[in-house]
Amino acid sequence: MNTAGLLLAAGAGRRFGTPKALVEVEGIPLVARAADALARGGCDPVLVVLGARAEDAAKLVPGPASTVFAPDWADGMGASLRTGLLALTNTGPDAVLVHLVDLPGVGADVIARLRAIAGPDIVARAAYAGVPGHPVLFGANWLAEIAASLRGDHGARGWLSGRRDVRLVECGDIGDGTDVDTPADLRL
């Protein structure tokens, strides 16, 4: 199965005070850490969606990941996700694994565990102690429908809600799905 990795890294990081893509954890920018996790977890291609301070963030994206600019990134996560999904439909993946830049506790092991169940009809998401989180895996058969449903800052939350076919993949034993919203979150 060809699973593309899609990293959403376009936000301005208002609560953080700077775009989270630029924030370093243990000396590594979050955008580089997350893109590397997607690649080491077996995703190919890896596409990073940029917006706020895109030129600065693009310099931090490791090869062979590529970038795409979401011109409407300020509208919210839905706009960034739509940009990324539409860019990836031309590459013909069997599935797309969507990762968020502000999850430093999600490594290649989590990515690989989700990718192992990828398929054109699969919808799955990582769970931590039974609580649904990110990354989220979307089979290729759903990509156009998801892209058409995206609005505002909710990403695919509305599309996912109420679906009975979403597989939860427990990853609490190998990762931490806690997001980083403020500088204080890095001091935990």
N, C-alpha and C. Protein backbone atom coordinates (compact mmCIF):
# COMPACT_ATOMS: atom_id res chain seq x y z
N MET A 1 0.83 -1.19 0.00
CA MET A 1 0.00 0.00 0.00
C MET A 1 0.87 1.25 0.00
N ASN A 2 0.55 2.17 -0.88
CA ASN A 2 1.25 3.45 -0.94
C ASN A 2 0.50 4.44 -0.06
N THR A 3 1.09 4.79 1.07
CA THR A 3 0.49 5.74 2.00
C THR A 3 1.27 7.04 1.98
N ALA A 4 0.60 8.11 1.59
CA ALA A 4 1.22 9.43 1.62
C ALA A 4 1.11 9.99 3.03
N GLY A 5 2.10 10.76 3.42
CA GLY A 5 2.07 11.46 4.70
C GLY A 5 1.77 12.92 4.45
N LEU A 6 0.80 13.45 5.19
CA LEU A 6 0.39 14.85 5.04
C LEU A 6 0.54 15.54 6.39
N LEU A 7 1.44 16.50 6.47
CA LEU A 7 1.71 17.22 7.70
C LEU A 7 1.11 18.61 7.62
N LEU A 8 0.20 18.90 8.55
CA LEU A 8 -0.43 20.22 8.61
C LEU A 8 0.41 21.11 9.53
N ALA A 9 1.04 22.14 8.94
CA ALA A 9 1.98 23.00 9.67
C ALA A 9 1.81 24.46 9.27
N ALA A 10 0.58 24.87 8.96
CA ALA A 10 0.35 26.20 8.41
C ALA A 10 -0.03 27.26 9.43
N GLY A 11 -0.43 26.86 10.63
CA GLY A 11 -0.99 27.81 11.59
C GLY A 11 -0.02 28.85 12.11
N ALA A 12 -0.60 29.94 12.59
CA ALA A 12 0.19 31.04 13.12
C ALA A 12 0.64 30.81 14.56
N GLY A 13 0.05 29.84 15.24
CA GLY A 13 0.42 29.57 16.63
C GLY A 13 0.14 30.74 17.54
N ARG A 14 -1.06 31.30 17.43
CA ARG A 14 -1.40 32.51 18.20
C ARG A 14 -1.19 32.32 19.70
N ARG A 15 -1.65 31.21 20.25
CA ARG A 15 -1.48 30.98 21.69
C ARG A 15 -0.02 30.72 22.05
N PHE A 16 0.74 30.20 21.10
CA PHE A 16 2.14 29.91 21.35
C PHE A 16 3.00 31.17 21.20
N GLY A 17 2.55 32.09 20.36
CA GLY A 17 3.31 33.32 20.13
C GLY A 17 4.15 33.29 18.87
N THR A 18 4.16 32.17 18.17
CA THR A 18 4.90 32.00 16.92
C THR A 18 4.36 30.74 16.24
N PRO A 19 4.52 30.62 14.94
CA PRO A 19 4.08 29.38 14.30
C PRO A 19 4.76 28.16 14.93
N LYS A 20 3.99 27.15 15.26
CA LYS A 20 4.53 25.97 15.93
C LYS A 20 5.53 25.22 15.05
N ALA A 21 5.41 25.36 13.75
CA ALA A 21 6.36 24.70 12.85
C ALA A 21 7.79 25.13 13.16
N LEU A 22 7.96 26.35 13.66
CA LEU A 22 9.29 26.90 13.92
C LEU A 22 9.82 26.59 15.32
N VAL A 23 8.95 26.10 16.19
CA VAL A 23 9.33 25.84 17.58
C VAL A 23 10.25 24.62 17.66
N GLU A 24 11.28 24.73 18.47
CA GLU A 24 12.22 23.61 18.64
C GLU A 24 11.93 22.84 19.91
N VAL A 25 12.00 21.52 19.81
CA VAL A 25 11.93 20.62 20.95
C VAL A 25 13.20 19.79 20.90
N GLU A 26 13.98 19.86 21.95
CA GLU A 26 15.26 19.16 22.00
C GLU A 26 16.15 19.53 20.81
N GLY A 27 16.10 20.81 20.43
CA GLY A 27 16.95 21.32 19.36
C GLY A 27 16.48 21.02 17.94
N ILE A 28 15.30 20.40 17.80
CA ILE A 28 14.78 20.05 16.48
C ILE A 28 13.46 20.77 16.26
N PRO A 29 13.32 21.51 15.15
CA PRO A 29 12.05 22.19 14.87
C PRO A 29 10.91 21.17 14.75
N LEU A 30 9.75 21.54 15.28
CA LEU A 30 8.61 20.63 15.23
C LEU A 30 8.28 20.19 13.81
N VAL A 31 8.43 21.08 12.83
CA VAL A 31 8.12 20.69 11.45
C VAL A 31 9.08 19.62 10.95
N ALA A 32 10.34 19.72 11.31
CA ALA A 32 11.33 18.71 10.91
C ALA A 32 11.07 17.39 11.63
N ARG A 33 10.76 17.47 12.91
CA ARG A 33 10.50 16.28 13.73
C ARG A 33 9.31 15.49 13.16
N ALA A 34 8.23 16.20 12.87
CA ALA A 34 7.01 15.53 12.39
C ALA A 34 7.17 14.99 10.97
N ALA A 35 7.81 15.75 10.09
CA ALA A 35 8.03 15.27 8.72
C ALA A 35 8.93 14.04 8.72
N ASP A 36 9.93 14.06 9.58
CA ASP A 36 10.82 12.91 9.70
C ASP A 36 10.07 11.68 10.23
N ALA A 37 9.19 11.87 11.19
CA ALA A 37 8.41 10.75 11.72
C ALA A 37 7.56 10.11 10.62
N LEU A 38 6.95 10.94 9.78
CA LEU A 38 6.15 10.41 8.67
C LEU A 38 7.02 9.59 7.72
N ALA A 39 8.18 10.12 7.36
CA ALA A 39 9.06 9.41 6.43
C ALA A 39 9.59 8.11 7.05
N ARG A 40 10.07 8.17 8.29
CA ARG A 40 10.61 6.98 8.94
C ARG A 40 9.52 5.95 9.23
N GLY A 41 8.27 6.42 9.34
CA GLY A 41 7.15 5.51 9.55
C GLY A 41 6.66 4.85 8.27
N GLY A 42 7.28 5.20 7.13
CA GLY A 42 6.98 4.54 5.87
C GLY A 42 6.10 5.29 4.91
N CYS A 43 5.78 6.54 5.20
CA CYS A 43 4.95 7.32 4.28
C CYS A 43 5.78 7.84 3.11
N ASP A 44 5.21 7.77 1.93
CA ASP A 44 5.88 8.25 0.73
C ASP A 44 4.83 8.52 -0.34
N PRO A 45 4.72 9.76 -0.77
CA PRO A 45 5.51 10.94 -0.44
C PRO A 45 5.08 11.54 0.90
N VAL A 46 5.89 12.49 1.39
CA VAL A 46 5.54 13.29 2.55
C VAL A 46 5.37 14.72 2.06
N LEU A 47 4.20 15.29 2.36
CA LEU A 47 3.88 16.65 1.94
C LEU A 47 3.57 17.48 3.17
N VAL A 48 4.20 18.65 3.27
CA VAL A 48 4.01 19.55 4.40
C VAL A 48 3.24 20.78 3.91
N VAL A 49 2.10 21.06 4.55
CA VAL A 49 1.29 22.23 4.20
C VAL A 49 1.74 23.40 5.07
N LEU A 50 2.15 24.48 4.42
CA LEU A 50 2.65 25.67 5.12
C LEU A 50 1.74 26.86 4.88
N GLY A 51 1.82 27.83 5.79
CA GLY A 51 1.03 29.05 5.69
C GLY A 51 1.77 30.20 6.35
N ALA A 52 1.54 30.38 7.66
CA ALA A 52 2.20 31.46 8.40
C ALA A 52 3.72 31.27 8.35
N ARG A 53 4.42 32.35 7.99
CA ARG A 53 5.89 32.33 7.89
C ARG A 53 6.39 31.14 7.08
N ALA A 54 5.72 30.91 5.98
CA ALA A 54 6.02 29.74 5.13
C ALA A 54 7.47 29.69 4.68
N GLU A 55 8.05 30.81 4.33
CA GLU A 55 9.44 30.80 3.85
C GLU A 55 10.39 30.31 4.94
N ASP A 56 10.16 30.75 6.18
CA ASP A 56 11.00 30.33 7.29
C ASP A 56 10.82 28.83 7.56
N ALA A 57 9.58 28.39 7.58
CA ALA A 57 9.29 26.98 7.86
C ALA A 57 9.81 26.07 6.76
N ALA A 58 9.70 26.49 5.50
CA ALA A 58 10.14 25.66 4.38
C ALA A 58 11.63 25.32 4.49
N LYS A 59 12.42 26.23 5.04
CA LYS A 59 13.86 25.98 5.20
C LYS A 59 14.15 24.86 6.19
N LEU A 60 13.17 24.54 7.03
CA LEU A 60 13.36 23.55 8.09
C LEU A 60 12.83 22.17 7.72
N VAL A 61 12.13 22.08 6.59
CA VAL A 61 11.54 20.81 6.16
C VAL A 61 12.63 19.92 5.58
N PRO A 62 12.82 18.74 6.16
CA PRO A 62 13.88 17.86 5.66
C PRO A 62 13.50 17.19 4.35
N GLY A 63 14.51 16.95 3.50
CA GLY A 63 14.28 16.18 2.30
C GLY A 63 14.07 14.73 2.69
N PRO A 64 13.33 13.97 1.95
CA PRO A 64 12.72 14.24 0.66
C PRO A 64 11.30 14.81 0.74
N ALA A 65 10.88 15.29 1.93
CA ALA A 65 9.55 15.89 2.03
C ALA A 65 9.46 17.11 1.13
N SER A 66 8.26 17.36 0.63
CA SER A 66 8.02 18.55 -0.18
C SER A 66 6.99 19.42 0.54
N THR A 67 6.83 20.63 0.04
CA THR A 67 5.91 21.57 0.68
C THR A 67 4.89 22.10 -0.32
N VAL A 68 3.77 22.54 0.23
CA VAL A 68 2.75 23.23 -0.55
C VAL A 68 2.25 24.37 0.33
N PHE A 69 1.97 25.51 -0.29
CA PHE A 69 1.48 26.68 0.44
C PHE A 69 -0.04 26.71 0.36
N ALA A 70 -0.68 26.89 1.50
CA ALA A 70 -2.14 27.03 1.56
C ALA A 70 -2.45 28.52 1.58
N PRO A 71 -2.90 29.09 0.46
CA PRO A 71 -3.13 30.53 0.42
C PRO A 71 -4.20 31.00 1.39
N ASP A 72 -5.12 30.12 1.75
CA ASP A 72 -6.19 30.47 2.68
C ASP A 72 -5.97 29.88 4.07
N TRP A 73 -4.71 29.66 4.42
CA TRP A 73 -4.35 29.01 5.68
C TRP A 73 -4.98 29.70 6.89
N ALA A 74 -5.14 31.02 6.85
CA ALA A 74 -5.69 31.76 7.99
C ALA A 74 -7.16 31.42 8.25
N ASP A 75 -7.82 30.78 7.30
CA ASP A 75 -9.20 30.34 7.50
C ASP A 75 -9.29 29.18 8.48
N GLY A 76 -8.20 28.48 8.70
CA GLY A 76 -8.18 27.40 9.67
C GLY A 76 -7.69 26.08 9.11
N MET A 77 -7.73 25.07 9.97
CA MET A 77 -7.20 23.76 9.63
C MET A 77 -7.90 23.15 8.42
N GLY A 78 -9.19 23.41 8.27
CA GLY A 78 -9.92 22.87 7.13
C GLY A 78 -9.31 23.30 5.81
N ALA A 79 -8.91 24.56 5.72
CA ALA A 79 -8.30 25.08 4.49
C ALA A 79 -6.96 24.40 4.22
N SER A 80 -6.17 24.22 5.26
CA SER A 80 -4.86 23.57 5.10
C SER A 80 -5.02 22.11 4.69
N LEU A 81 -5.95 21.43 5.33
CA LEU A 81 -6.18 20.02 5.01
C LEU A 81 -6.66 19.88 3.57
N ARG A 82 -7.58 20.74 3.16
CA ARG A 82 -8.08 20.70 1.78
C ARG A 82 -6.94 20.91 0.78
N THR A 83 -6.08 21.89 1.03
CA THR A 83 -4.95 22.15 0.14
C THR A 83 -4.08 20.90 0.01
N GLY A 84 -3.77 20.28 1.15
CA GLY A 84 -2.92 19.10 1.13
C GLY A 84 -3.56 17.91 0.44
N LEU A 85 -4.83 17.65 0.75
CA LEU A 85 -5.51 16.51 0.12
C LEU A 85 -5.61 16.69 -1.39
N LEU A 86 -5.94 17.89 -1.83
CA LEU A 86 -6.04 18.12 -3.28
C LEU A 86 -4.68 17.97 -3.96
N ALA A 87 -3.62 18.42 -3.30
CA ALA A 87 -2.28 18.27 -3.87
C ALA A 87 -1.88 16.79 -3.97
N LEU A 88 -2.30 15.99 -3.02
CA LEU A 88 -1.92 14.57 -3.00
C LEU A 88 -2.76 13.70 -3.93
N THR A 89 -3.95 14.14 -4.30
CA THR A 89 -4.77 13.29 -5.16
C THR A 89 -4.09 13.01 -6.49
N ASN A 90 -3.24 13.91 -6.93
CA ASN A 90 -2.51 13.71 -8.20
C ASN A 90 -1.41 12.67 -8.08
N THR A 91 -0.99 12.33 -6.85
CA THR A 91 0.08 11.36 -6.67
C THR A 91 -0.45 9.93 -6.59
N GLY A 92 -1.77 9.76 -6.49
CA GLY A 92 -2.39 8.45 -6.50
C GLY A 92 -2.12 7.54 -5.32
N PRO A 93 -2.13 8.07 -4.07
CA PRO A 93 -1.88 7.18 -2.94
C PRO A 93 -3.08 6.27 -2.67
N ASP A 94 -2.83 5.14 -2.02
CA ASP A 94 -3.91 4.28 -1.57
C ASP A 94 -4.55 4.84 -0.31
N ALA A 95 -3.78 5.63 0.44
CA ALA A 95 -4.26 6.24 1.68
C ALA A 95 -3.40 7.46 1.98
N VAL A 96 -3.93 8.33 2.84
CA VAL A 96 -3.20 9.51 3.31
C VAL A 96 -3.24 9.50 4.83
N LEU A 97 -2.07 9.63 5.44
CA LEU A 97 -1.97 9.71 6.88
C LEU A 97 -1.75 11.17 7.25
N VAL A 98 -2.71 11.77 7.95
CA VAL A 98 -2.68 13.19 8.29
C VAL A 98 -2.12 13.35 9.70
N HIS A 99 -1.06 14.13 9.79
CA HIS A 99 -0.35 14.37 11.05
C HIS A 99 -0.35 15.87 11.32
N LEU A 100 -0.28 16.24 12.60
CA LEU A 100 -0.25 17.64 13.00
C LEU A 100 1.13 18.01 13.53
N VAL A 101 1.56 19.21 13.24
CA VAL A 101 2.92 19.64 13.58
C VAL A 101 3.15 19.74 15.09
N ASP A 102 2.09 19.92 15.86
CA ASP A 102 2.26 20.19 17.29
C ASP A 102 2.12 18.96 18.19
N LEU A 103 2.52 17.81 17.67
CA LEU A 103 2.47 16.56 18.43
C LEU A 103 3.85 15.94 18.55
N PRO A 104 4.73 16.52 19.36
CA PRO A 104 6.10 16.01 19.42
C PRO A 104 6.23 14.60 19.98
N GLY A 105 5.20 14.09 20.65
CA GLY A 105 5.24 12.74 21.20
C GLY A 105 4.82 11.66 20.24
N VAL A 106 4.51 12.05 19.00
CA VAL A 106 4.12 11.08 17.98
C VAL A 106 5.34 10.83 17.08
N GLY A 107 5.86 9.63 17.17
CA GLY A 107 7.05 9.29 16.39
C GLY A 107 6.74 8.30 15.28
N ALA A 108 7.79 7.81 14.69
CA ALA A 108 7.69 6.90 13.54
C ALA A 108 6.95 5.61 13.90
N ASP A 109 7.05 5.16 15.15
CA ASP A 109 6.35 3.93 15.54
C ASP A 109 4.84 4.07 15.43
N VAL A 110 4.32 5.23 15.85
CA VAL A 110 2.88 5.48 15.74
C VAL A 110 2.48 5.52 14.27
N ILE A 111 3.26 6.22 13.47
CA ILE A 111 2.98 6.32 12.03
C ILE A 111 2.95 4.93 11.42
N ALA A 112 3.96 4.11 11.70
CA ALA A 112 4.05 2.77 11.12
C ALA A 112 2.88 1.90 11.55
N ARG A 113 2.44 2.01 12.80
CA ARG A 113 1.32 1.20 13.28
C ARG A 113 0.05 1.54 12.51
N LEU A 114 -0.21 2.79 12.29
CA LEU A 114 -1.39 3.18 11.51
C LEU A 114 -1.24 2.78 10.04
N ARG A 115 -0.07 3.04 9.50
CA ARG A 115 0.17 2.74 8.09
C ARG A 115 0.00 1.26 7.79
N ALA A 116 0.24 0.42 8.77
CA ALA A 116 0.14 -1.04 8.58
C ALA A 116 -1.27 -1.50 8.21
N ILE A 117 -2.28 -0.70 8.52
CA ILE A 117 -3.66 -1.09 8.19
C ILE A 117 -4.22 -0.28 7.03
N ALA A 118 -3.39 0.49 6.35
CA ALA A 118 -3.84 1.38 5.28
C ALA A 118 -4.47 0.60 4.13
N GLY A 119 -5.47 1.24 3.55
CA GLY A 119 -6.13 0.71 2.37
C GLY A 119 -7.10 1.74 1.84
N PRO A 120 -7.56 1.60 0.62
CA PRO A 120 -8.42 2.60 0.00
C PRO A 120 -9.74 2.88 0.73
N ASP A 121 -10.25 1.91 1.48
CA ASP A 121 -11.52 2.09 2.17
C ASP A 121 -11.38 2.34 3.67
N ILE A 122 -10.17 2.35 4.18
CA ILE A 122 -9.93 2.42 5.62
C ILE A 122 -10.01 3.86 6.13
N VAL A 123 -10.63 4.01 7.30
CA VAL A 123 -10.59 5.25 8.08
C VAL A 123 -10.16 4.83 9.48
N ALA A 124 -9.05 5.38 9.95
CA ALA A 124 -8.53 5.00 11.26
C ALA A 124 -7.88 6.20 11.91
N ARG A 125 -7.79 6.13 13.22
CA ARG A 125 -7.09 7.20 13.93
C ARG A 125 -6.39 6.63 15.15
N ALA A 126 -5.30 7.26 15.49
CA ALA A 126 -4.56 6.86 16.68
C ALA A 126 -5.41 7.17 17.90
N ALA A 127 -5.26 6.32 18.91
CA ALA A 127 -5.90 6.56 20.20
C ALA A 127 -4.83 6.43 21.27
N TYR A 128 -5.00 7.19 22.33
CA TYR A 128 -4.07 7.18 23.45
C TYR A 128 -4.90 6.92 24.71
N ALA A 129 -4.69 5.74 25.31
CA ALA A 129 -5.50 5.28 26.44
C ALA A 129 -6.98 5.31 26.07
N GLY A 130 -7.27 4.91 24.84
CA GLY A 130 -8.65 4.82 24.37
C GLY A 130 -9.26 6.11 23.87
N VAL A 131 -8.56 7.22 23.99
CA VAL A 131 -9.07 8.52 23.56
C VAL A 131 -8.61 8.79 22.13
N PRO A 132 -9.56 9.00 21.19
CA PRO A 132 -9.17 9.26 19.80
C PRO A 132 -8.30 10.52 19.68
N GLY A 133 -7.30 10.43 18.80
CA GLY A 133 -6.41 11.56 18.58
C GLY A 133 -5.87 11.56 17.17
N HIS A 134 -4.64 12.00 17.03
CA HIS A 134 -3.96 12.07 15.73
C HIS A 134 -2.69 11.26 15.80
N PRO A 135 -2.21 10.84 14.67
CA PRO A 135 -2.63 11.05 13.29
C PRO A 135 -3.91 10.31 12.92
N VAL A 136 -4.45 10.69 11.75
CA VAL A 136 -5.65 10.08 11.21
C VAL A 136 -5.33 9.54 9.82
N LEU A 137 -5.81 8.35 9.54
CA LEU A 137 -5.56 7.68 8.26
C LEU A 137 -6.84 7.66 7.44
N PHE A 138 -6.77 8.18 6.22
CA PHE A 138 -7.91 8.22 5.31
C PHE A 138 -7.58 7.42 4.05
N GLY A 139 -8.41 6.43 3.75
CA GLY A 139 -8.27 5.71 2.50
C GLY A 139 -8.56 6.62 1.32
N ALA A 140 -7.95 6.32 0.18
CA ALA A 140 -8.08 7.16 -1.01
C ALA A 140 -9.52 7.32 -1.49
N ASN A 141 -10.35 6.32 -1.23
CA ASN A 141 -11.74 6.41 -1.69
C ASN A 141 -12.52 7.53 -1.02
N TRP A 142 -12.01 8.07 0.08
CA TRP A 142 -12.72 9.10 0.83
C TRP A 142 -12.17 10.50 0.60
N LEU A 143 -11.04 10.64 -0.07
CA LEU A 143 -10.34 11.92 -0.10
C LEU A 143 -11.17 13.05 -0.72
N ALA A 144 -11.81 12.82 -1.84
CA ALA A 144 -12.60 13.88 -2.48
C ALA A 144 -13.77 14.29 -1.60
N GLU A 145 -14.42 13.31 -0.98
CA GLU A 145 -15.55 13.60 -0.09
C GLU A 145 -15.09 14.42 1.12
N ILE A 146 -13.97 14.05 1.69
CA ILE A 146 -13.44 14.78 2.84
C ILE A 146 -13.10 16.21 2.43
N ALA A 147 -12.37 16.37 1.34
CA ALA A 147 -11.98 17.71 0.87
C ALA A 147 -13.19 18.60 0.65
N ALA A 148 -14.26 18.05 0.10
CA ALA A 148 -15.47 18.83 -0.16
C ALA A 148 -16.20 19.22 1.13
N SER A 149 -15.96 18.49 2.21
CA SER A 149 -16.67 18.75 3.46
C SER A 149 -15.97 19.75 4.37
N LEU A 150 -14.75 20.13 4.06
CA LEU A 150 -13.93 20.91 4.99
C LEU A 150 -14.35 22.37 5.07
N ARG A 151 -14.50 22.83 6.31
CA ARG A 151 -14.88 24.22 6.58
C ARG A 151 -14.14 24.68 7.84
N GLY A 152 -13.70 25.92 7.83
CA GLY A 152 -13.18 26.55 9.04
C GLY A 152 -12.01 25.85 9.69
N ASP A 153 -12.01 25.89 11.01
CA ASP A 153 -10.88 25.42 11.78
C ASP A 153 -11.11 24.04 12.39
N HIS A 154 -11.98 23.25 11.80
CA HIS A 154 -12.31 21.96 12.39
C HIS A 154 -11.71 20.78 11.66
N GLY A 155 -10.99 20.99 10.61
CA GLY A 155 -10.39 19.88 9.88
C GLY A 155 -11.47 18.90 9.46
N ALA A 156 -11.20 17.62 9.63
CA ALA A 156 -12.15 16.58 9.21
C ALA A 156 -13.04 16.12 10.37
N ARG A 157 -13.06 16.86 11.46
CA ARG A 157 -13.86 16.48 12.63
C ARG A 157 -15.32 16.21 12.26
N GLY A 158 -15.92 17.11 11.50
CA GLY A 158 -17.32 16.93 11.10
C GLY A 158 -17.52 15.69 10.24
N TRP A 159 -16.60 15.44 9.33
CA TRP A 159 -16.71 14.27 8.47
C TRP A 159 -16.57 12.99 9.27
N LEU A 160 -15.71 12.99 10.27
CA LEU A 160 -15.47 11.82 11.09
C LEU A 160 -16.60 11.54 12.10
N SER A 161 -17.27 12.61 12.56
CA SER A 161 -18.25 12.43 13.63
C SER A 161 -19.40 11.54 13.18
N GLY A 162 -19.72 10.60 14.03
CA GLY A 162 -20.84 9.71 13.77
C GLY A 162 -20.55 8.55 12.84
N ARG A 163 -19.35 8.50 12.26
CA ARG A 163 -19.00 7.38 11.38
C ARG A 163 -18.79 6.13 12.22
N ARG A 164 -19.29 5.03 11.76
CA ARG A 164 -19.15 3.77 12.49
C ARG A 164 -17.98 2.94 11.99
N ASP A 165 -17.37 3.38 10.90
CA ASP A 165 -16.27 2.59 10.32
C ASP A 165 -14.88 3.09 10.71
N VAL A 166 -14.80 4.02 11.65
CA VAL A 166 -13.51 4.54 12.07
C VAL A 166 -12.86 3.54 13.04
N ARG A 167 -11.69 3.06 12.66
CA ARG A 167 -10.95 2.14 13.51
C ARG A 167 -10.07 2.95 14.45
N LEU A 168 -10.14 2.64 15.72
CA LEU A 168 -9.22 3.24 16.68
C LEU A 168 -8.03 2.31 16.84
N VAL A 169 -6.85 2.86 16.70
CA VAL A 169 -5.61 2.09 16.80
C VAL A 169 -4.88 2.59 18.04
N GLU A 170 -4.86 1.77 19.07
CA GLU A 170 -4.24 2.18 20.33
C GLU A 170 -2.73 2.37 20.13
N CYS A 171 -2.26 3.57 20.53
CA CYS A 171 -0.85 3.91 20.37
C CYS A 171 -0.25 4.46 21.66
N GLY A 172 -0.99 4.42 22.74
CA GLY A 172 -0.51 4.95 24.01
C GLY A 172 0.72 4.24 24.54
N ASP A 173 0.95 3.03 24.08
CA ASP A 173 2.13 2.28 24.52
C ASP A 173 3.41 2.70 23.80
N ILE A 174 3.28 3.44 22.69
CA ILE A 174 4.46 3.82 21.91
C ILE A 174 4.55 5.32 21.63
N GLY A 175 3.55 6.09 22.06
CA GLY A 175 3.56 7.52 21.77
C GLY A 175 2.68 8.29 22.72
N ASP A 176 2.72 9.60 22.55
CA ASP A 176 1.93 10.52 23.36
C ASP A 176 1.26 11.51 22.42
N GLY A 177 -0.05 11.52 22.40
CA GLY A 177 -0.79 12.38 21.49
C GLY A 177 -1.11 13.75 22.03
N THR A 178 -0.42 14.18 23.08
CA THR A 178 -0.66 15.49 23.67
C THR A 178 -0.10 16.58 22.76
N ASP A 179 -0.96 17.57 22.45
CA ASP A 179 -0.49 18.64 21.58
C ASP A 179 0.14 19.76 22.40
N VAL A 180 0.95 20.55 21.72
CA VAL A 180 1.66 21.66 22.32
C VAL A 180 0.96 22.94 21.88
N ASP A 181 0.27 23.59 22.82
CA ASP A 181 -0.46 24.82 22.48
C ASP A 181 0.23 26.09 22.96
N THR A 182 0.98 25.96 24.05
CA THR A 182 1.66 27.13 24.65
C THR A 182 3.08 26.72 25.02
N PRO A 183 3.97 27.69 25.23
CA PRO A 183 5.32 27.34 25.67
C PRO A 183 5.32 26.52 26.97
N ALA A 184 4.36 26.77 27.85
CA ALA A 184 4.29 26.03 29.11
C ALA A 184 4.08 24.54 28.87
N ASP A 185 3.42 24.17 27.76
CA ASP A 185 3.19 22.76 27.46
C ASP A 185 4.50 22.01 27.21
N LEU A 186 5.54 22.71 26.84
CA LEU A 186 6.84 22.07 26.59
C LEU A 186 7.60 21.81 27.88
N ARG A 187 7.15 22.36 28.96
CA ARG A 187 7.84 22.19 30.24
C ARG A 187 7.24 21.06 31.07
N LEU A 188 6.33 20.30 30.48
CA LEU A 188 5.69 19.21 31.23
C LEU A 188 6.67 18.11 31.57
